[in-house]
């Protein structure tokens, strides 16, 4: 059955009237609307207002039933994704790698490593972990708290446990730690390293100075250390960077004092954490007094200048960063400079109002994002394209999140306005195309009230429709 005939019948069932047909697109406001994309080359179709839409570009496409589900595909990048009640269920694929999860608890993942070996993972967090690989030595299974092995999980290269936390052995690079009743007792060994602890009563660790070969094939020194604690966290003493040009000795007897001594930095605290801290950073070239940190801070020097009395005010600057606030969190400003990037952000009451500017100092271009939660978000891209959305409850909190933009933005974006700086095209939409206007340097087109009123002008002349009835056509003058 013809698609447009189906839409006509649906419109009649909903109490509407049969939409009119233009020469190249189909416009019936929130019931059904087809139009060309403003910011990209492609087309978009919207049906029943925010409840269904599709987009087709040269290499990518997506469809969505907001806020229930959506799916997208990019043939050029070899990616695909699917969301169901985001973030409840998501699926993402990039090339041969994929991941499917339900609230990060129930998950499947797979792909190939740098040696092109396929591997598949299954996780029922935090109870069951499994991996199956083309290399048998990379297979593992773990059932918490009974028994298991893990690789590349929980920030460790390897993990083996029996009756967790009764016995847990972990490895990170060359350091192996055996835990008994984690975290109370452990024994640690590695290259030039040995140590043990009976937490929180006593612990000690020694690492000798060693060497390693870097990526250029040269030998470099790996500093050693000596660490111990008694009645943690009340007393600890450690020396790090042994064998290097900057060995550091640090000691603390909480709450009486703590200090750090090294060739590049000295710092002393009295009655920590509520007392006074005095720091002399010779490497960065500044001297700082905190009373106490981070509430009252004053620093002066070439590498850092800070004046802070929290929550009244703060002005801080270093070589490439700046951070200010007044009546925190009423006003907050941050800036970071690292050529060619110059980025600053202004916030009022956290995310109530926010503006982010990113400048490319080499190209002389600017990207800007401005939001007033939950009323609107406005974007200005490096190429000059702009987009305004009115009603944006989540977009200011999670900017540039494609799942939010695809699954939820269509539901509450009562006004959309876009402008393409390269082509000069622009578009505006009110209440899911109840009123829609599109302009290019050559044409003007508008439609409102489910397409009952339509007007178009261009190089071929002007034409209008009222209640889907053509009112005649005026040809352009030769």
Protein backbone atom coordinates (compact mmCIF):
# COMPACT_ATOMS: atom_id res chain seq x y z
CA UNK A 1 0.00 0.00 0.00
CA UNK A 2 1.25 3.50 -0.84
CA UNK A 3 2.87 5.12 2.22
CA UNK A 4 1.17 8.48 1.67
CA UNK A 5 -2.22 6.80 1.40
CA UNK A 6 -1.57 5.10 4.75
CA UNK A 7 -0.78 8.47 6.32
CA UNK A 8 -3.95 9.98 4.88
CA UNK A 9 -6.05 7.19 6.41
CA UNK A 10 -4.22 7.57 9.75
CA UNK A 11 -4.90 11.29 9.70
CA UNK A 12 -8.63 10.72 9.15
CA UNK A 13 -8.72 8.21 12.01
CA UNK A 14 -7.15 10.78 14.30
CA UNK A 15 -9.76 13.34 13.40
CA UNK A 16 -7.58 15.21 10.93
CA UNK A 17 -7.98 15.75 7.23
CA UNK A 18 -6.03 14.28 4.37
CA UNK A 19 -2.71 16.10 4.03
CA UNK A 20 -1.74 17.89 0.91
CA UNK A 21 1.08 16.84 -1.38
CA UNK A 22 3.79 19.19 -2.54
CA UNK A 23 5.93 18.43 -5.55
CA UNK A 24 8.90 16.97 -3.67
CA UNK A 25 7.99 16.55 0.01
CA UNK A 26 5.03 15.62 2.18
CA UNK A 27 3.92 18.12 4.85
CA UNK A 28 1.21 17.47 7.40
CA UNK A 29 2.70 19.05 10.51
CA UNK A 30 2.95 16.81 13.57
CA UNK A 31 1.07 13.99 11.80
CA UNK A 32 3.64 13.45 9.05
CA UNK A 33 6.42 15.66 7.74
CA UNK A 34 9.30 15.11 5.34
CA UNK A 35 12.04 17.69 4.94
CA UNK A 36 15.68 18.10 4.05
CA UNK A 37 18.21 18.44 6.85
CA UNK A 38 19.49 21.96 7.43
CA UNK A 39 22.95 21.29 8.88
CA UNK A 40 23.79 18.20 6.79
CA UNK A 41 23.00 16.71 3.43
CA UNK A 42 20.12 14.29 3.97
CA UNK A 43 16.44 13.95 4.77
CA UNK A 44 14.34 13.55 7.91
CA UNK A 45 10.85 12.15 8.41
CA UNK A 46 8.75 12.78 11.53
CA UNK A 47 5.48 10.98 12.27
CA UNK A 48 3.02 11.76 15.08
CA UNK A 49 5.06 14.63 16.43
CA UNK A 50 7.90 13.34 18.62
CA UNK A 51 6.84 9.68 18.58
CA UNK A 52 8.71 8.49 15.47
CA UNK A 53 11.45 9.88 13.24
CA UNK A 54 14.07 8.76 10.75
CA UNK A 55 17.15 10.45 9.32
CA UNK A 56 19.13 9.46 6.24
CA UNK A 57 22.53 10.95 5.38
CA UNK A 58 25.14 9.98 2.82
CA UNK A 59 26.88 7.42 5.06
CA UNK A 60 24.70 7.26 8.17
CA UNK A 61 21.09 6.80 9.17
CA UNK A 62 18.97 6.31 12.25
CA UNK A 63 15.40 5.76 13.38
CA UNK A 64 13.85 6.52 16.76
CA UNK A 65 10.65 5.94 18.70
CA UNK A 66 11.27 8.47 21.50
CA UNK A 67 11.55 7.95 24.38
CA UNK A 68 11.27 4.18 23.97
CA UNK A 69 14.05 3.17 21.59
CA UNK A 70 16.35 4.22 18.76
CA UNK A 71 18.95 2.70 16.43
CA UNK A 72 21.66 4.16 14.21
CA UNK A 73 24.26 3.05 11.70
CA UNK A 74 27.30 4.69 10.08
CA UNK A 75 28.64 2.74 7.13
CA UNK A 76 31.73 4.91 6.72
CA UNK A 77 32.88 4.38 10.31
CA UNK A 78 31.49 0.83 10.50
CA UNK A 79 29.49 1.62 13.64
CA UNK A 80 26.01 0.68 14.84
CA UNK A 81 24.10 1.28 18.05
CA UNK A 82 20.74 0.60 19.68
CA UNK A 83 19.09 2.02 22.82
CA UNK A 84 16.04 0.75 24.68
CA UNK A 85 14.79 3.03 27.46
CA UNK A 86 18.26 4.57 27.59
CA UNK A 87 20.32 4.00 29.69
CA UNK A 88 18.54 0.77 30.65
CA UNK A 89 19.61 -1.24 27.57
CA UNK A 90 22.28 -0.22 25.07
CA UNK A 91 24.19 -1.89 22.25
CA UNK A 92 27.24 -0.40 20.50
CA UNK A 93 29.40 -1.81 17.71
CA UNK A 94 32.57 -0.35 16.22
CA UNK A 95 34.03 -2.48 13.46
CA UNK A 96 34.40 -5.97 14.92
CA UNK A 97 34.04 -4.82 18.54
CA UNK A 98 30.66 -4.79 20.27
CA UNK A 99 29.10 -4.30 23.69
CA UNK A 100 25.57 -4.98 24.93
CA UNK A 101 24.57 -4.19 28.50
CA UNK A 102 21.59 -3.75 30.79
CA UNK A 103 22.34 -0.99 33.32
CA UNK A 104 26.05 -1.97 33.25
CA UNK A 105 25.09 -5.07 35.28
CA UNK A 106 24.27 -7.66 32.62
CA UNK A 107 26.71 -7.28 29.71
CA UNK A 108 28.06 -9.02 26.60
CA UNK A 109 31.17 -7.71 24.84
CA UNK A 110 33.57 -8.94 22.20
CA UNK A 111 36.13 -8.03 19.60
CA UNK A 112 39.74 -8.60 18.56
CA UNK A 113 42.98 -7.61 20.24
CA UNK A 114 46.09 -6.14 18.60
CA UNK A 115 47.13 -9.65 17.52
CA UNK A 116 43.72 -10.18 15.82
CA UNK A 117 42.60 -12.78 18.37
CA UNK A 118 38.84 -12.86 18.92
CA UNK A 119 37.48 -12.71 22.46
CA UNK A 120 33.99 -12.68 23.98
CA UNK A 121 33.02 -11.47 27.44
CA UNK A 122 29.96 -12.01 29.58
CA UNK A 123 29.37 -10.20 32.89
CA UNK A 124 26.64 -10.38 35.51
CA UNK A 125 28.12 -7.73 37.77
CA UNK A 126 29.32 -8.23 40.46
CA UNK A 127 28.76 -11.98 40.66
CA UNK A 128 29.85 -13.63 37.41
CA UNK A 129 32.65 -12.81 34.93
CA UNK A 130 33.59 -14.85 31.86
CA UNK A 131 35.86 -14.52 28.82
CA UNK A 132 36.42 -16.92 25.94
CA UNK A 133 39.27 -16.24 23.53
CA UNK A 134 40.99 -17.84 20.55
CA UNK A 135 44.04 -18.04 22.85
CA UNK A 136 43.22 -20.53 25.65
CA UNK A 137 45.53 -18.75 28.11
CA UNK A 138 43.22 -15.71 27.95
CA UNK A 139 40.11 -17.67 28.98
CA UNK A 140 38.79 -17.04 32.48
CA UNK A 141 35.73 -17.63 34.66
CA UNK A 142 34.91 -16.08 38.02
CA UNK A 143 31.96 -16.64 40.35
CA UNK A 144 32.01 -14.27 43.30
CA UNK A 145 32.53 -14.92 46.13
CA UNK A 146 33.43 -18.58 45.57
CA UNK A 147 36.29 -18.97 43.09
CA UNK A 148 37.64 -17.54 39.88
CA UNK A 149 40.18 -15.80 37.68
CA UNK A 150 40.02 -12.44 35.89
CA UNK A 151 42.24 -10.70 33.35
CA UNK A 152 42.24 -7.00 32.61
CA UNK A 153 39.38 -6.28 35.00
CA UNK A 154 38.94 -4.11 38.11
CA UNK A 155 42.13 -2.13 37.31
CA UNK A 156 44.37 -5.21 37.53
CA UNK A 157 46.12 -7.30 34.87
CA UNK A 158 45.26 -10.55 36.65
CA UNK A 159 43.09 -11.53 39.64
CA UNK A 160 42.72 -14.94 41.28
CA UNK A 161 40.52 -15.48 44.33
CA UNK A 162 39.15 -18.22 46.57
CA UNK A 163 36.22 -17.42 48.88
CA UNK A 164 36.57 -13.67 48.35
CA UNK A 165 37.79 -11.83 50.40
CA UNK A 166 39.45 -14.79 52.12
CA UNK A 167 42.24 -15.11 49.54
CA UNK A 168 42.87 -12.75 46.61
CA UNK A 169 46.00 -12.61 44.44
CA UNK A 170 46.38 -9.72 42.00
CA UNK A 171 49.03 -8.69 39.48
CA UNK A 172 49.61 -5.27 38.00
CA UNK A 173 52.59 -5.25 35.64
CA UNK A 174 55.34 -7.02 37.62
CA UNK A 175 53.85 -6.46 41.11
CA UNK A 176 52.04 -9.43 42.67
CA UNK A 177 49.96 -8.92 45.82
CA UNK A 178 48.56 -11.79 47.88
CA UNK A 179 45.70 -10.71 50.16
CA UNK A 180 44.36 -12.68 53.11
CA UNK A 181 41.04 -11.39 54.41
CA UNK A 182 41.26 -8.43 52.02
CA UNK A 183 42.22 -5.68 52.86
CA UNK A 184 43.65 -6.59 56.26
CA UNK A 185 46.69 -8.76 55.44
CA UNK A 186 48.76 -8.75 52.27
CA UNK A 187 52.22 -9.72 51.02
CA UNK A 188 53.57 -7.91 47.95
CA UNK A 189 56.44 -8.83 45.63
CA UNK A 190 57.82 -7.47 42.38
CA UNK A 191 61.02 -6.54 40.59
CA UNK A 192 63.18 -5.26 43.44
CA UNK A 193 60.08 -4.92 45.62
CA UNK A 194 58.84 -6.63 48.75
CA UNK A 195 56.41 -5.62 51.46
CA UNK A 196 53.65 -6.69 53.79
CA UNK A 197 50.91 -5.19 55.94
CA UNK A 198 48.60 -6.08 58.83
CA UNK A 199 46.16 -3.27 58.32
CA UNK A 200 45.47 -0.98 60.12
CA UNK A 201 48.20 -1.79 62.67
CA UNK A 202 51.45 -1.93 60.71
CA UNK A 203 52.77 -2.15 57.17
CA UNK A 204 56.13 -1.80 55.39
CA UNK A 205 57.34 -1.91 51.79
CA UNK A 206 60.77 -1.56 50.16
CA UNK A 207 61.59 -1.19 46.48
CA UNK A 208 65.18 -1.13 45.27
CA UNK A 209 66.37 1.10 42.44
CA UNK A 210 66.00 -0.74 39.12
CA UNK A 211 66.37 0.01 35.41
CA UNK A 212 64.19 -0.62 32.37
CA UNK A 213 64.41 -0.12 28.62
CA UNK A 214 62.16 2.62 27.27
CA UNK A 215 60.46 2.82 23.89
CA UNK A 216 63.62 4.24 22.27
CA UNK A 217 65.75 1.30 23.42
CA UNK A 218 67.56 3.30 26.09
CA UNK A 219 68.02 2.23 29.70
CA UNK A 220 66.33 4.47 32.27
CA UNK A 221 66.24 4.45 36.06
CA UNK A 222 63.11 3.41 37.96
CA UNK A 223 63.15 5.03 41.38
CA UNK A 224 62.89 3.01 44.56
CA UNK A 225 60.98 3.71 47.76
CA UNK A 226 60.62 2.86 51.43
CA UNK A 227 57.16 3.05 53.00
CA UNK A 228 55.71 2.15 56.39
CA UNK A 229 52.68 3.00 58.49
CA UNK A 230 51.68 2.47 62.12
CA UNK A 231 48.04 2.62 63.24
CA UNK A 232 46.91 3.87 59.83
CA UNK A 233 46.01 6.68 59.12
CA UNK A 234 47.58 8.25 62.20
CA UNK A 235 51.25 7.73 61.34
CA UNK A 236 53.10 6.99 58.12
CA UNK A 237 56.59 7.63 56.83
CA UNK A 238 57.79 7.16 53.28
CA UNK A 239 60.66 8.07 50.97
CA UNK A 240 60.02 7.90 47.23
CA UNK A 241 62.11 8.59 44.15
CA UNK A 242 65.23 6.90 45.57
CA UNK A 243 68.01 6.89 43.01
CA UNK A 244 66.48 9.78 41.04
CA UNK A 245 67.20 13.52 40.98
CA UNK A 246 64.18 14.29 43.12
CA UNK A 247 63.87 11.93 46.12
CA UNK A 248 61.03 12.95 48.42
CA UNK A 249 60.59 12.24 52.14
CA UNK A 250 57.06 12.46 53.52
CA UNK A 251 55.90 11.89 57.08
CA UNK A 252 52.61 12.46 58.93
CA UNK A 253 51.47 12.12 62.53
CA UNK A 254 47.78 12.95 62.29
CA UNK A 255 46.50 15.35 63.49
CA UNK A 256 49.70 16.95 64.81
CA UNK A 257 51.76 17.47 61.66
CA UNK A 258 52.73 16.29 58.20
CA UNK A 259 55.64 17.33 55.98
CA UNK A 260 57.19 16.73 52.58
CA UNK A 261 60.84 17.42 51.78
CA UNK A 262 62.40 17.14 48.33
CA UNK A 263 64.84 19.13 46.17
CA UNK A 264 61.92 20.60 44.17
CA UNK A 265 59.19 21.01 46.79
CA UNK A 266 58.81 21.48 50.56
CA UNK A 267 55.47 21.43 52.37
CA UNK A 268 54.61 21.45 56.08
CA UNK A 269 51.18 21.14 57.75
CA UNK A 270 50.36 21.75 61.40
CA UNK A 271 47.19 20.36 63.04
CA UNK A 272 46.14 18.69 59.80
CA UNK A 273 43.54 18.92 58.26
CA UNK A 274 42.22 22.08 59.96
CA UNK A 275 45.51 23.85 60.62
CA UNK A 276 48.05 25.70 58.49
CA UNK A 277 49.99 24.37 55.49
CA UNK A 278 53.02 26.17 54.04
CA UNK A 279 54.34 25.05 50.66
CA UNK A 280 57.41 26.15 48.73
CA UNK A 281 57.26 24.73 45.20
CA UNK A 282 60.59 25.51 43.57
CA UNK A 283 59.84 23.46 40.45
CA UNK A 284 56.78 25.57 39.52
CA UNK A 285 58.00 28.75 41.17
CA UNK A 286 55.46 29.72 43.83
CA UNK A 287 54.91 29.84 47.60
CA UNK A 288 51.53 28.94 49.13
CA UNK A 289 49.88 29.29 52.54
CA UNK A 290 46.66 27.36 53.34
CA UNK A 291 44.67 27.88 56.54
CA UNK A 292 43.14 25.36 56.05
CA UNK A 293 43.25 23.91 52.53
CA UNK A 294 41.14 24.13 50.39
CA UNK A 295 39.04 26.81 52.09
CA UNK A 296 41.60 29.59 52.60
CA UNK A 297 44.50 29.61 50.13
CA UNK A 298 47.00 32.31 49.17
CA UNK A 299 49.78 31.57 46.67
CA UNK A 300 52.22 33.88 44.93
CA UNK A 301 54.86 33.21 42.31
CA UNK A 302 55.55 32.86 38.60
CA UNK A 303 53.97 29.42 38.41
CA UNK A 304 50.78 30.10 40.42
CA UNK A 305 48.79 32.98 41.87
CA UNK A 306 45.79 32.23 44.11
CA UNK A 307 43.60 34.20 46.49
CA UNK A 308 40.73 32.12 47.93
CA UNK A 309 38.36 32.51 50.86
CA UNK A 310 35.71 29.85 50.31
CA UNK A 311 32.80 30.29 49.65
CA UNK A 312 33.14 34.07 49.26
CA UNK A 313 35.63 34.37 46.41
CA UNK A 314 38.59 32.83 44.63
CA UNK A 315 40.96 33.96 41.89
CA UNK A 316 43.59 31.45 40.77
CA UNK A 317 45.93 31.47 37.77
CA UNK A 318 48.85 29.36 36.59
CA UNK A 319 50.85 29.30 33.37
CA UNK A 320 47.96 28.04 31.19
CA UNK A 321 44.96 27.85 33.53
CA UNK A 322 42.61 30.25 35.31
CA UNK A 323 39.87 29.48 37.86
CA UNK A 324 37.63 32.05 39.57
CA UNK A 325 34.45 31.97 41.65
CA UNK A 326 32.32 34.43 43.63
CA UNK A 327 29.81 33.32 46.27
CA UNK A 328 30.32 29.70 45.24
CA UNK A 329 28.38 28.18 43.53
CA UNK A 330 26.70 31.38 42.37
CA UNK A 331 29.40 32.22 39.80
CA UNK A 332 32.22 29.99 38.51
CA UNK A 333 34.72 30.61 35.68
CA UNK A 334 37.46 28.34 34.29
CA UNK A 335 39.89 28.83 31.42
CA UNK A 336 42.50 26.55 29.85
CA UNK A 337 45.00 27.56 27.17
CA UNK A 338 47.20 25.20 25.21
CA UNK A 339 47.76 26.35 21.62
CA UNK A 340 45.86 26.10 19.41
CA UNK A 341 43.07 25.46 21.98
CA UNK A 342 41.73 28.27 24.17
CA UNK A 343 38.74 27.05 26.21
CA UNK A 344 36.71 28.82 28.88
CA UNK A 345 33.53 27.97 30.77
CA UNK A 346 31.22 30.20 32.78
CA UNK A 347 28.60 28.72 35.13
CA UNK A 348 25.95 30.22 37.40
CA UNK A 349 24.52 27.94 40.10
CA UNK A 350 26.20 24.85 38.65
CA UNK A 351 24.20 24.11 35.47
CA UNK A 352 21.43 26.71 35.77
CA UNK A 353 23.35 28.82 33.26
CA UNK A 354 26.46 27.66 31.43
CA UNK A 355 28.51 28.94 28.51
CA UNK A 356 31.50 27.14 26.98
CA UNK A 357 33.76 28.82 24.41
CA UNK A 358 36.40 26.90 22.48
CA UNK A 359 38.69 28.89 20.21
CA UNK A 360 41.11 27.57 17.62
CA UNK A 361 43.74 30.28 17.75
CA UNK A 362 45.44 29.05 14.57
CA UNK A 363 42.28 28.95 12.43
CA UNK A 364 40.55 31.88 14.17
CA UNK A 365 37.31 29.89 14.63
CA UNK A 366 35.05 29.61 17.67
CA UNK A 367 32.71 26.92 18.99
CA UNK A 368 30.22 27.95 21.67
CA UNK A 369 27.58 26.17 23.76
CA UNK A 370 25.12 28.20 25.87
CA UNK A 371 22.39 26.74 28.06
CA UNK A 372 19.82 27.94 30.58
CA UNK A 373 18.48 24.87 32.37
CA UNK A 374 15.86 23.61 31.62
CA UNK A 375 14.74 26.28 29.13
CA UNK A 376 17.15 26.12 26.19
CA UNK A 377 20.49 25.07 24.74
CA UNK A 378 22.21 26.88 21.87
CA UNK A 379 25.24 25.64 19.91
CA UNK A 380 27.56 27.48 17.54
CA UNK A 381 30.06 25.21 15.76
CA UNK A 382 33.53 25.95 14.40
CA UNK A 383 32.14 26.07 10.85
CA UNK A 384 29.52 28.66 11.83
CA UNK A 385 26.50 26.33 11.99
CA UNK A 386 24.05 27.14 14.80
CA UNK A 387 21.25 25.25 16.54
CA UNK A 388 18.76 26.38 19.19
CA UNK A 389 16.48 24.07 21.17
CA UNK A 390 13.88 25.36 23.60
CA UNK A 391 13.13 23.07 26.55
CA UNK A 392 16.24 21.07 27.36
CA UNK A 393 16.00 19.30 30.75
CA UNK A 394 18.92 16.90 30.19
CA UNK A 395 21.04 18.37 27.38
CA UNK A 396 22.82 20.99 29.57
CA UNK A 397 23.71 18.25 32.09
CA UNK A 398 24.89 15.72 29.47
CA UNK A 399 26.03 17.77 26.46
CA UNK A 400 26.86 16.04 23.16
CA UNK A 401 25.28 12.77 24.33
CA UNK A 402 23.85 11.26 21.14
CA UNK A 403 21.53 8.93 23.04
CA UNK A 404 19.96 11.84 24.93
CA UNK A 405 19.62 13.87 21.73
CA UNK A 406 18.05 10.97 19.83
CA UNK A 407 15.83 9.38 22.48
CA UNK A 408 14.66 12.31 24.58
CA UNK A 409 15.28 15.64 22.83
CA UNK A 410 12.45 15.10 20.29
CA UNK A 411 9.97 14.63 23.16
CA UNK A 412 10.38 18.04 24.79
CA UNK A 413 11.99 20.26 22.11
CA UNK A 414 8.97 22.48 21.43
CA UNK A 415 11.06 24.90 19.33
CA UNK A 416 14.01 24.08 17.06
CA UNK A 417 15.99 26.55 14.96
CA UNK A 418 19.00 25.70 12.79
CA UNK A 419 21.19 27.64 10.38
CA UNK A 420 23.84 26.35 7.97
CA UNK A 421 26.58 28.97 7.59
CA UNK A 422 27.99 27.43 4.38
CA UNK A 423 24.76 27.05 2.39
CA UNK A 424 22.79 29.87 4.01
CA UNK A 425 19.88 27.49 4.69
CA UNK A 426 17.86 27.83 7.89
CA UNK A 427 14.82 26.19 9.46
CA UNK A 428 12.48 26.73 12.42
CA UNK A 429 9.96 24.32 13.91
CA UNK A 430 7.33 24.96 16.60
CA UNK A 431 5.47 22.15 18.40
CA UNK A 432 6.82 19.29 16.30
CA UNK A 433 6.18 21.04 12.95
CA UNK A 434 2.76 22.43 13.79
CA UNK A 435 4.50 25.47 12.33
CA UNK A 436 7.60 24.99 10.18
CA UNK A 437 9.63 27.42 8.08
CA UNK A 438 12.56 26.65 5.78
CA UNK A 439 14.66 29.14 3.85
CA UNK A 440 17.59 29.00 1.44
CA UNK A 441 19.15 31.81 -0.59
CA UNK A 442 16.79 30.80 -3.44
CA UNK A 443 13.59 29.59 -1.73
CA UNK A 444 11.19 30.31 1.13
CA UNK A 445 8.75 27.74 2.44
CA UNK A 446 6.36 27.65 5.41
CA UNK A 447 3.63 25.35 6.68
CA UNK A 448 1.35 25.50 9.72
CA UNK A 449 -1.74 23.89 11.29
CA UNK A 450 -1.06 20.35 10.03
CA UNK A 451 -0.28 21.72 6.58
CA UNK A 452 -3.66 23.46 6.28
CA UNK A 453 -1.77 26.64 5.37
CA UNK A 454 1.27 26.37 3.09
CA UNK A 455 3.30 28.94 1.21
CA UNK A 456 6.37 28.61 -0.99
CA UNK A 457 8.37 31.04 -3.13
CA UNK A 458 11.46 30.66 -5.26
CA UNK A 459 12.96 31.07 -8.67
CA UNK A 460 9.91 29.36 -10.25
CA UNK A 461 7.50 31.81 -8.66
CA UNK A 462 5.14 31.68 -5.68
CA UNK A 463 2.39 29.28 -4.71
CA UNK A 464 0.07 28.79 -1.75
CA UNK A 465 -2.35 26.16 -0.40
CA UNK A 466 -5.23 26.70 1.97
CA UNK A 467 -6.90 23.58 3.39
CA UNK A 468 -4.77 21.66 0.85
CA UNK A 469 -6.43 23.49 -2.03
CA UNK A 470 -4.03 25.31 -4.40
CA UNK A 471 -4.80 29.02 -4.57
CA UNK A 472 -3.07 29.43 -7.86
CA UNK A 473 0.51 29.96 -8.84
CA UNK A 474 2.24 33.20 -9.70
CA UNK A 475 5.19 32.74 -12.03
CA UNK A 476 8.42 34.57 -11.46
CA UNK A 477 9.08 37.53 -13.69
CA UNK A 478 11.47 36.78 -16.56
